[in-house]
């Protein structure tokens, strides 16, 4: 779902997302977008946590010291 929402927020149309992810149908993309907007706060929290985890993993794996 995060990939679909990210693509959509970057300006991709449903048809373009379906081309990017051939296993999806337009209805699948529309359902995912509807779910994301119906559960906006929950999705935003999850995406922020994912972003934070990625940053921590990159910093931890790069040998950076704080």
C-alpha atoms as a PDB file:
ATOM      1  CA  UNK A   1       0.000   0.000   0.000  1.00  0.00           C
ATOM      2  CA  UNK A   2       2.831   2.414   0.795  1.00  0.00           C
ATOM      3  CA  UNK A   3       4.225   2.053  -2.722  1.00  0.00           C
ATOM      4  CA  UNK A   4       0.848   2.816  -4.285  1.00  0.00           C
ATOM      5  CA  UNK A   5       0.313   5.845  -2.076  1.00  0.00           C
ATOM      6  CA  UNK A   6       3.833   7.117  -2.744  1.00  0.00           C
ATOM      7  CA  UNK A   7       3.388   6.775  -6.504  1.00  0.00           C
ATOM      8  CA  UNK A   8       0.058   8.563  -6.345  1.00  0.00           C
ATOM      9  CA  UNK A   9       1.481  11.387  -4.244  1.00  0.00           C
ATOM     10  CA  UNK A  10       4.293  11.778  -6.765  1.00  0.00           C
ATOM     11  CA  UNK A  11       1.675  12.502  -9.407  1.00  0.00           C
ATOM     12  CA  UNK A  12       1.243   9.105 -11.057  1.00  0.00           C
ATOM     13  CA  UNK A  13      -2.222   8.315 -12.369  1.00  0.00           C
ATOM     14  CA  UNK A  14      -3.928   5.026 -11.553  1.00  0.00           C
ATOM     15  CA  UNK A  15      -3.158   3.757 -15.057  1.00  0.00           C
ATOM     16  CA  UNK A  16       0.541   4.526 -14.596  1.00  0.00           C
ATOM     17  CA  UNK A  17       0.642   2.740 -11.247  1.00  0.00           C
ATOM     18  CA  UNK A  18      -0.952  -0.332 -12.855  1.00  0.00           C
ATOM     19  CA  UNK A  19       1.732  -0.255 -15.558  1.00  0.00           C
ATOM     20  CA  UNK A  20       4.420  -0.007 -12.854  1.00  0.00           C
ATOM     21  CA  UNK A  21       2.890  -2.907 -10.883  1.00  0.00           C
ATOM     22  CA  UNK A  22       1.397  -5.298 -13.470  1.00  0.00           C
ATOM     23  CA  UNK A  23      -0.111  -7.572 -10.827  1.00  0.00           C
ATOM     24  CA  UNK A  24      -2.535  -4.823  -9.871  1.00  0.00           C
ATOM     25  CA  UNK A  25      -5.796  -3.848 -11.490  1.00  0.00           C
ATOM     26  CA  UNK A  26      -7.149  -0.286 -11.465  1.00  0.00           C
ATOM     27  CA  UNK A  27      -9.718  -1.378  -8.882  1.00  0.00           C
ATOM     28  CA  UNK A  28      -6.903  -2.592  -6.601  1.00  0.00           C
ATOM     29  CA  UNK A  29      -5.180   0.791  -6.780  1.00  0.00           C
ATOM     30  CA  UNK A  30      -8.439   2.660  -6.171  1.00  0.00           C
ATOM     31  CA  UNK A  31      -9.241   0.408  -3.198  1.00  0.00           C
ATOM     32  CA  UNK A  32      -5.785   1.026  -1.710  1.00  0.00           C
ATOM     33  CA  UNK A  33      -6.122   4.783  -2.153  1.00  0.00           C
ATOM     34  CA  UNK A  34      -9.600   4.787  -0.631  1.00  0.00           C
ATOM     35  CA  UNK A  35      -8.340   2.798   2.355  1.00  0.00           C
ATOM     36  CA  UNK A  36      -5.377   5.144   2.781  1.00  0.00           C
ATOM     37  CA  UNK A  37      -7.591   8.214   2.833  1.00  0.00           C
ATOM     38  CA  UNK A  38     -10.179   6.581   5.117  1.00  0.00           C
ATOM     39  CA  UNK A  39      -7.361   5.736   7.564  1.00  0.00           C
ATOM     40  CA  UNK A  40      -5.200   8.801   6.937  1.00  0.00           C
ATOM     41  CA  UNK A  41      -3.758   9.249  10.454  1.00  0.00           C
ATOM     42  CA  UNK A  42      -2.917   5.552  10.823  1.00  0.00           C
ATOM     43  CA  UNK A  43      -1.242   5.396   7.403  1.00  0.00           C
ATOM     44  CA  UNK A  44       0.749   8.597   8.010  1.00  0.00           C
ATOM     45  CA  UNK A  45       1.981   7.237  11.352  1.00  0.00           C
ATOM     46  CA  UNK A  46       3.036   3.958   9.743  1.00  0.00           C
ATOM     47  CA  UNK A  47       4.823   5.714   6.869  1.00  0.00           C
ATOM     48  CA  UNK A  48       6.648   8.020   9.285  1.00  0.00           C
ATOM     49  CA  UNK A  49       7.751   5.022  11.364  1.00  0.00           C
ATOM     50  CA  UNK A  50       8.977   3.280   8.211  1.00  0.00           C
ATOM     51  CA  UNK A  51      10.932   6.391   7.197  1.00  0.00           C
ATOM     52  CA  UNK A  52      12.484   6.629  10.648  1.00  0.00           C
ATOM     53  CA  UNK A  53      13.486   2.964  10.565  1.00  0.00           C
ATOM     54  CA  UNK A  54      15.163   3.438   7.177  1.00  0.00           C
ATOM     55  CA  UNK A  55      17.122   6.436   8.418  1.00  0.00           C
ATOM     56  CA  UNK A  56      18.232   4.588  11.551  1.00  0.00           C
ATOM     57  CA  UNK A  57      19.281   1.555   9.504  1.00  0.00           C
ATOM     58  CA  UNK A  58      21.299   3.728   7.124  1.00  0.00           C
ATOM     59  CA  UNK A  59      23.008   5.585   9.934  1.00  0.00           C
ATOM     60  CA  UNK A  60      23.675   2.422  11.871  1.00  0.00           C
ATOM     61  CA  UNK A  61      25.070   0.635   8.832  1.00  0.00           C
ATOM     62  CA  UNK A  62      27.267   3.497   7.675  1.00  0.00           C
ATOM     63  CA  UNK A  63      29.456   3.625  10.729  1.00  0.00           C
ATOM     64  CA  UNK A  64      28.274   7.149  11.516  1.00  0.00           C
ATOM     65  CA  UNK A  65      28.754   8.172  15.100  1.00  0.00           C
ATOM     66  CA  UNK A  66      26.616  10.647  16.956  1.00  0.00           C
END
